[in-house]
Amino acid sequence: MKQRVISAAVMIVLLVGCLLISDVSRVLLFMAVTILACHEMKNALAKLDRNVRVWSAYLIVLGAGAAVWIGLNRIGGYVFPAFMIVMLGIFSEMVITQKFTVQDVFATFGVYAYPLAPLMLVMYISIATRPTADGGSVYIWPAIFINSILPCVVSDTFALFGGKAFGKHKLAPAISPKKTVEGLICGLAMGTLSGFLAQLILVKTGLDLIPMWAVIVAAFIASVSGAIGDLAASSVKRAAGIKDYSNLIPGHGGIMDRIDSELFAIPIVYMIYAMFI
């Protein structure tokens, strides 16, 4: 437990520091997280005899970072063509070398979809701004992160306690034997209610960019997305026969073990915010 607490404290300090220092530190943070997450997913799929060409994912991450240096508001215009170019390169390597199979190619594309694409979107969110009435601009990432991460944490915590206190019906025994329907209901209820706390924080910090009812809806959707993300990551681990994606973070496992819920929640909450700002 002591090791777990120390690791969590170090992660929080590193995360908050990188988020607050500058655009560059945020981009470098998410580039590192993305590379590590793709590496962990490659290793997990290797347990299923899939040869993921992970170099191509690294190339996309580096390309996205380069796009940031060229122009922060143009990152999307570089990433999606990069996907197509790298996909062409993967098929070309398969045809020319014949050292890996079609299944390996599509396993590689699977890593593009999960976790690469969601993390690339999170990187974009971390530098995105919206114009203000006085002709300036304001970052949107603090509001989106609060409105997605807080419900995920609350939902996950109360799902655990609710499952221990009331759990009788298994939610997905083949994927995560300890999770229960009752725990999920408790988690979703409290995660949704945490939207009121999120709204209070957003108002106090001047980050209330969307109506309160939308914040509550976003909290509910973040809670649902987080639960699905957790099960999705667990399903890969169960299929690969591993307990954690890696031992990178003492007491916590790997990067994918820590971001599995937020991987879906942050991009989906961003889409809700995009309807209003």
Protein backbone atom coordinates (compact mmCIF):
# COMPACT_ATOMS: atom_id res chain seq x y z
CA MET A 1 0.00 0.00 0.00
CA LYS A 2 2.84 2.40 0.86
CA GLN A 3 4.42 1.83 -2.55
CA ARG A 4 1.07 2.40 -4.24
CA VAL A 5 0.52 5.71 -2.42
CA ILE A 6 4.03 6.95 -3.20
CA SER A 7 3.64 6.04 -6.88
CA ALA A 8 0.27 7.82 -7.01
CA ALA A 9 1.75 10.96 -5.42
CA VAL A 10 4.62 11.02 -7.92
CA MET A 11 2.20 10.52 -10.84
CA ILE A 12 -0.06 13.35 -9.67
CA VAL A 13 2.86 15.77 -9.25
CA LEU A 14 4.25 14.86 -12.68
CA LEU A 15 0.84 15.07 -14.35
CA VAL A 16 -0.16 18.40 -12.80
CA GLY A 17 3.26 19.87 -13.47
CA CYS A 18 3.24 18.92 -17.15
CA LEU A 19 -0.34 20.13 -17.58
CA LEU A 20 0.34 23.54 -16.06
CA ILE A 21 3.80 24.44 -17.36
CA SER A 22 3.07 25.05 -21.05
CA ASP A 23 1.61 23.79 -24.31
CA VAL A 24 4.89 22.03 -25.06
CA SER A 25 4.98 20.18 -21.74
CA ARG A 26 1.40 18.97 -22.24
CA VAL A 27 2.13 17.75 -25.75
CA LEU A 28 5.33 16.01 -24.63
CA LEU A 29 3.42 14.40 -21.75
CA PHE A 30 0.76 12.93 -24.02
CA MET A 31 3.32 11.90 -26.63
CA ALA A 32 5.14 9.91 -23.95
CA VAL A 33 1.90 8.43 -22.60
CA THR A 34 0.80 7.43 -26.11
CA ILE A 35 4.10 5.76 -26.97
CA LEU A 36 4.10 3.83 -23.69
CA ALA A 37 0.44 2.81 -24.09
CA CYS A 38 1.03 1.56 -27.65
CA HIS A 39 4.11 -0.36 -26.48
CA GLU A 40 2.08 -2.03 -23.72
CA MET A 41 -0.69 -2.93 -26.14
CA LYS A 42 1.85 -4.37 -28.57
CA ASN A 43 3.26 -6.57 -25.82
CA ALA A 44 -0.24 -7.71 -24.79
CA LEU A 45 -1.13 -8.65 -28.37
CA ALA A 46 2.19 -10.49 -28.69
CA LYS A 47 0.77 -12.91 -26.10
CA LEU A 48 -1.91 -13.66 -28.71
CA ASP A 49 0.74 -14.31 -31.38
CA ARG A 50 0.10 -11.01 -33.11
CA ASN A 51 3.15 -9.17 -34.48
CA VAL A 52 2.14 -5.51 -34.17
CA ARG A 53 4.24 -3.11 -36.27
CA VAL A 54 4.35 -0.65 -33.41
CA TRP A 55 7.01 1.49 -35.09
CA SER A 56 4.24 2.87 -37.27
CA ALA A 57 2.29 4.06 -34.22
CA TYR A 58 5.43 5.75 -32.90
CA LEU A 59 5.84 7.45 -36.26
CA ILE A 60 2.32 8.86 -36.07
CA VAL A 61 2.95 10.16 -32.54
CA LEU A 62 6.16 11.87 -33.61
CA GLY A 63 4.38 13.30 -36.63
CA ALA A 64 1.66 14.72 -34.41
CA GLY A 65 4.32 16.30 -32.19
CA ALA A 66 5.98 17.82 -35.24
CA ALA A 67 2.61 19.20 -36.34
CA VAL A 68 2.32 20.99 -33.02
CA TRP A 69 5.60 22.77 -33.63
CA ILE A 70 4.37 23.81 -37.08
CA GLY A 71 1.04 25.17 -35.80
CA LEU A 72 -1.04 24.18 -32.80
CA ASN A 73 -4.34 24.67 -34.59
CA ARG A 74 -3.34 22.47 -37.51
CA ILE A 75 -2.59 19.21 -35.70
CA GLY A 76 -5.73 17.45 -37.00
CA GLY A 77 -4.81 18.26 -40.57
CA TYR A 78 -1.52 16.40 -40.19
CA VAL A 79 -2.52 13.39 -38.11
CA PHE A 80 -5.22 11.94 -40.35
CA PRO A 81 -3.16 12.02 -43.57
CA ALA A 82 -0.32 10.50 -41.51
CA PHE A 83 -2.61 7.58 -40.63
CA MET A 84 -3.24 6.91 -44.32
CA ILE A 85 0.43 7.19 -45.30
CA VAL A 86 1.58 4.88 -42.51
CA MET A 87 -1.18 2.36 -43.30
CA LEU A 88 0.08 2.31 -46.89
CA GLY A 89 3.59 1.70 -45.58
CA ILE A 90 2.40 -1.21 -43.41
CA PHE A 91 0.69 -2.94 -46.34
CA SER A 92 3.75 -2.30 -48.50
CA GLU A 93 6.03 -3.89 -45.86
CA MET A 94 3.74 -6.92 -45.65
CA VAL A 95 3.73 -7.44 -49.43
CA ILE A 96 7.47 -6.86 -49.91
CA THR A 97 8.92 -8.70 -46.91
CA GLN A 98 6.19 -11.29 -46.33
CA LYS A 99 7.42 -11.52 -42.74
CA PHE A 100 4.07 -10.94 -41.12
CA THR A 101 0.45 -11.76 -41.84
CA VAL A 102 -2.75 -9.93 -42.68
CA GLN A 103 -3.86 -10.65 -39.11
CA ASP A 104 -0.76 -8.82 -37.88
CA VAL A 105 -1.57 -5.87 -40.11
CA PHE A 106 -5.09 -5.56 -38.75
CA ALA A 107 -3.83 -6.04 -35.19
CA THR A 108 -1.61 -3.03 -35.90
CA PHE A 109 -4.61 -1.07 -37.15
CA GLY A 110 -6.39 -2.10 -33.96
CA VAL A 111 -3.64 -0.38 -31.96
CA TYR A 112 -4.21 2.72 -34.13
CA ALA A 113 -7.85 2.70 -33.01
CA TYR A 114 -7.09 1.76 -29.39
CA PRO A 115 -5.19 3.38 -27.72
CA LEU A 116 -3.50 5.60 -30.35
CA ALA A 117 -6.46 7.55 -31.78
CA PRO A 118 -8.12 8.48 -28.45
CA LEU A 119 -4.78 9.64 -27.01
CA MET A 120 -4.06 11.72 -30.12
CA LEU A 121 -7.41 13.42 -29.57
CA VAL A 122 -6.54 14.01 -25.90
CA MET A 123 -3.29 15.61 -27.06
CA TYR A 124 -5.27 17.92 -29.33
CA ILE A 125 -7.70 18.78 -26.53
CA SER A 126 -4.78 19.73 -24.28
CA ILE A 127 -3.79 22.58 -26.63
CA ALA A 128 -7.20 23.57 -28.04
CA THR A 129 -8.66 27.00 -27.26
CA ARG A 130 -11.89 28.84 -27.90
CA PRO A 131 -12.28 32.58 -28.65
CA THR A 132 -13.55 34.95 -25.96
CA ALA A 133 -15.76 38.02 -26.26
CA ASP A 134 -12.80 40.39 -25.80
CA GLY A 135 -10.97 38.93 -28.79
CA GLY A 136 -8.71 36.66 -26.77
CA SER A 137 -8.84 32.91 -26.25
CA VAL A 138 -9.17 30.46 -23.39
CA TYR A 139 -8.04 26.86 -23.00
CA ILE A 140 -10.84 24.29 -22.86
CA TRP A 141 -8.85 21.33 -21.50
CA PRO A 142 -9.21 22.18 -17.78
CA ALA A 143 -13.02 22.10 -17.99
CA ILE A 144 -13.08 18.93 -20.09
CA PHE A 145 -10.58 17.10 -17.89
CA ILE A 146 -12.46 18.03 -14.70
CA ASN A 147 -15.79 17.04 -16.22
CA SER A 148 -14.49 13.65 -17.36
CA ILE A 149 -11.80 12.54 -14.91
CA LEU A 150 -13.74 13.44 -11.73
CA PRO A 151 -16.82 11.34 -12.65
CA CYS A 152 -14.57 8.44 -13.74
CA VAL A 153 -12.73 8.43 -10.42
CA VAL A 154 -15.92 8.78 -8.36
CA SER A 155 -17.76 6.16 -10.40
CA ASP A 156 -14.89 3.66 -10.17
CA THR A 157 -14.55 4.21 -6.41
CA PHE A 158 -18.23 3.78 -5.62
CA ALA A 159 -18.56 0.85 -8.01
CA LEU A 160 -15.94 -0.90 -5.88
CA PHE A 161 -17.61 -0.06 -2.56
CA GLY A 162 -21.11 -0.66 -3.92
CA GLY A 163 -20.10 -4.02 -5.31
CA LYS A 164 -18.63 -5.11 -1.98
CA ALA A 165 -21.68 -3.93 -0.04
CA PHE A 166 -24.55 -4.92 -2.36
CA GLY A 167 -23.06 -6.98 -5.20
CA LYS A 168 -24.96 -10.17 -6.06
CA HIS A 169 -25.14 -10.30 -9.85
CA LYS A 170 -21.94 -10.58 -11.87
CA LEU A 171 -21.58 -7.91 -14.54
CA ALA A 172 -19.10 -9.54 -16.92
CA PRO A 173 -17.63 -12.63 -15.22
CA ALA A 174 -15.66 -13.72 -18.28
CA ILE A 175 -13.84 -10.38 -18.33
CA SER A 176 -13.76 -9.08 -14.76
CA PRO A 177 -15.15 -11.57 -12.20
CA LYS A 178 -15.28 -9.11 -9.31
CA LYS A 179 -17.46 -6.49 -11.00
CA THR A 180 -21.19 -6.60 -10.29
CA VAL A 181 -24.34 -5.02 -11.71
CA GLU A 182 -25.12 -3.47 -8.32
CA GLY A 183 -21.62 -1.98 -8.14
CA LEU A 184 -22.02 -0.55 -11.64
CA ILE A 185 -25.34 1.08 -10.70
CA CYS A 186 -23.81 2.63 -7.56
CA GLY A 187 -20.86 3.86 -9.56
CA LEU A 188 -22.94 5.40 -12.33
CA ALA A 189 -25.27 7.09 -9.83
CA MET A 190 -22.46 8.67 -7.83
CA GLY A 191 -20.47 9.47 -10.95
CA THR A 192 -23.46 11.36 -12.34
CA LEU A 193 -23.99 13.20 -9.05
CA SER A 194 -20.33 14.20 -9.10
CA GLY A 195 -21.32 16.41 -12.01
CA PHE A 196 -22.73 18.87 -9.45
CA LEU A 197 -19.31 19.01 -7.77
CA ALA A 198 -17.69 19.42 -11.17
CA GLN A 199 -20.04 22.32 -11.93
CA LEU A 200 -19.18 23.98 -8.61
CA ILE A 201 -15.45 23.68 -9.37
CA LEU A 202 -15.95 24.99 -12.89
CA VAL A 203 -17.94 28.00 -11.69
CA LYS A 204 -15.45 28.82 -8.93
CA THR A 205 -12.55 28.69 -11.37
CA GLY A 206 -14.34 30.55 -14.17
CA LEU A 207 -14.38 27.48 -16.42
CA ASP A 208 -18.16 27.08 -16.73
CA LEU A 209 -18.21 26.91 -20.52
CA ILE A 210 -21.44 24.93 -20.91
CA PRO A 211 -24.83 24.88 -19.09
CA MET A 212 -25.09 23.01 -15.80
CA TRP A 213 -27.47 20.40 -17.22
CA ALA A 214 -24.89 19.62 -19.91
CA VAL A 215 -22.20 19.20 -17.24
CA ILE A 216 -24.43 16.65 -15.47
CA VAL A 217 -25.10 14.82 -18.75
CA ALA A 218 -21.37 14.84 -19.48
CA ALA A 219 -20.68 13.40 -16.00
CA PHE A 220 -23.12 10.55 -16.66
CA ILE A 221 -21.65 9.83 -20.08
CA ALA A 222 -18.11 9.99 -18.66
CA SER A 223 -19.11 7.47 -15.98
CA VAL A 224 -20.59 5.10 -18.58
CA SER A 225 -17.62 5.55 -20.92
CA GLY A 226 -15.21 4.98 -18.07
CA ALA A 227 -16.91 1.73 -17.08
CA ILE A 228 -16.82 0.49 -20.67
CA GLY A 229 -13.19 1.58 -21.05
CA ASP A 230 -12.24 -0.33 -17.92
CA LEU A 231 -13.93 -3.48 -19.21
CA ALA A 232 -12.38 -3.04 -22.66
CA ALA A 233 -8.88 -2.87 -21.21
CA SER A 234 -9.63 -5.83 -18.93
CA SER A 235 -10.87 -7.90 -21.87
CA VAL A 236 -7.52 -7.49 -23.63
CA LYS A 237 -5.64 -8.48 -20.46
CA ARG A 238 -7.89 -11.50 -19.93
CA ALA A 239 -7.42 -12.66 -23.52
CA ALA A 240 -3.64 -12.17 -23.25
CA GLY A 241 -3.48 -13.91 -19.87
CA ILE A 242 -1.82 -11.00 -18.05
CA LYS A 243 -2.69 -9.25 -14.79
CA ASP A 244 -1.29 -5.82 -15.69
CA TYR A 245 -0.14 -4.26 -18.94
CA SER A 246 3.31 -3.70 -17.43
CA ASN A 247 5.04 -2.98 -14.14
CA LEU A 248 6.05 0.54 -15.12
CA ILE A 249 4.25 2.15 -12.17
CA PRO A 250 4.97 0.31 -8.91
CA GLY A 251 1.75 -0.82 -7.27
CA HIS A 252 -0.40 0.33 -10.19
CA GLY A 253 0.70 -1.65 -13.23
CA GLY A 254 1.20 0.03 -16.58
CA ILE A 255 0.05 3.21 -18.29
CA MET A 256 -2.93 1.40 -19.82
CA ASP A 257 -3.97 0.18 -16.37
CA ARG A 258 -4.19 3.82 -15.20
CA ILE A 259 -5.84 5.48 -18.20
CA ASP A 260 -8.29 2.78 -19.32
CA SER A 261 -11.38 4.69 -18.09
CA GLU A 262 -10.30 8.16 -19.21
CA LEU A 263 -9.27 6.88 -22.65
CA PHE A 264 -12.91 6.93 -23.76
CA ALA A 265 -14.35 9.46 -21.32
CA ILE A 266 -12.22 12.50 -22.23
CA PRO A 267 -12.82 12.38 -26.02
CA ILE A 268 -16.58 11.83 -25.58
CA VAL A 269 -16.92 14.67 -23.05
CA TYR A 270 -14.98 16.84 -25.50
CA MET A 271 -17.61 16.11 -28.15
CA ILE A 272 -20.31 17.31 -25.75
CA TYR A 273 -18.41 20.53 -25.12
CA ALA A 274 -17.88 20.99 -28.86
CA MET A 275 -21.66 21.29 -29.29
CA PHE A 276 -21.67 24.45 -27.16
CA ILE A 277 -18.34 26.22 -27.71
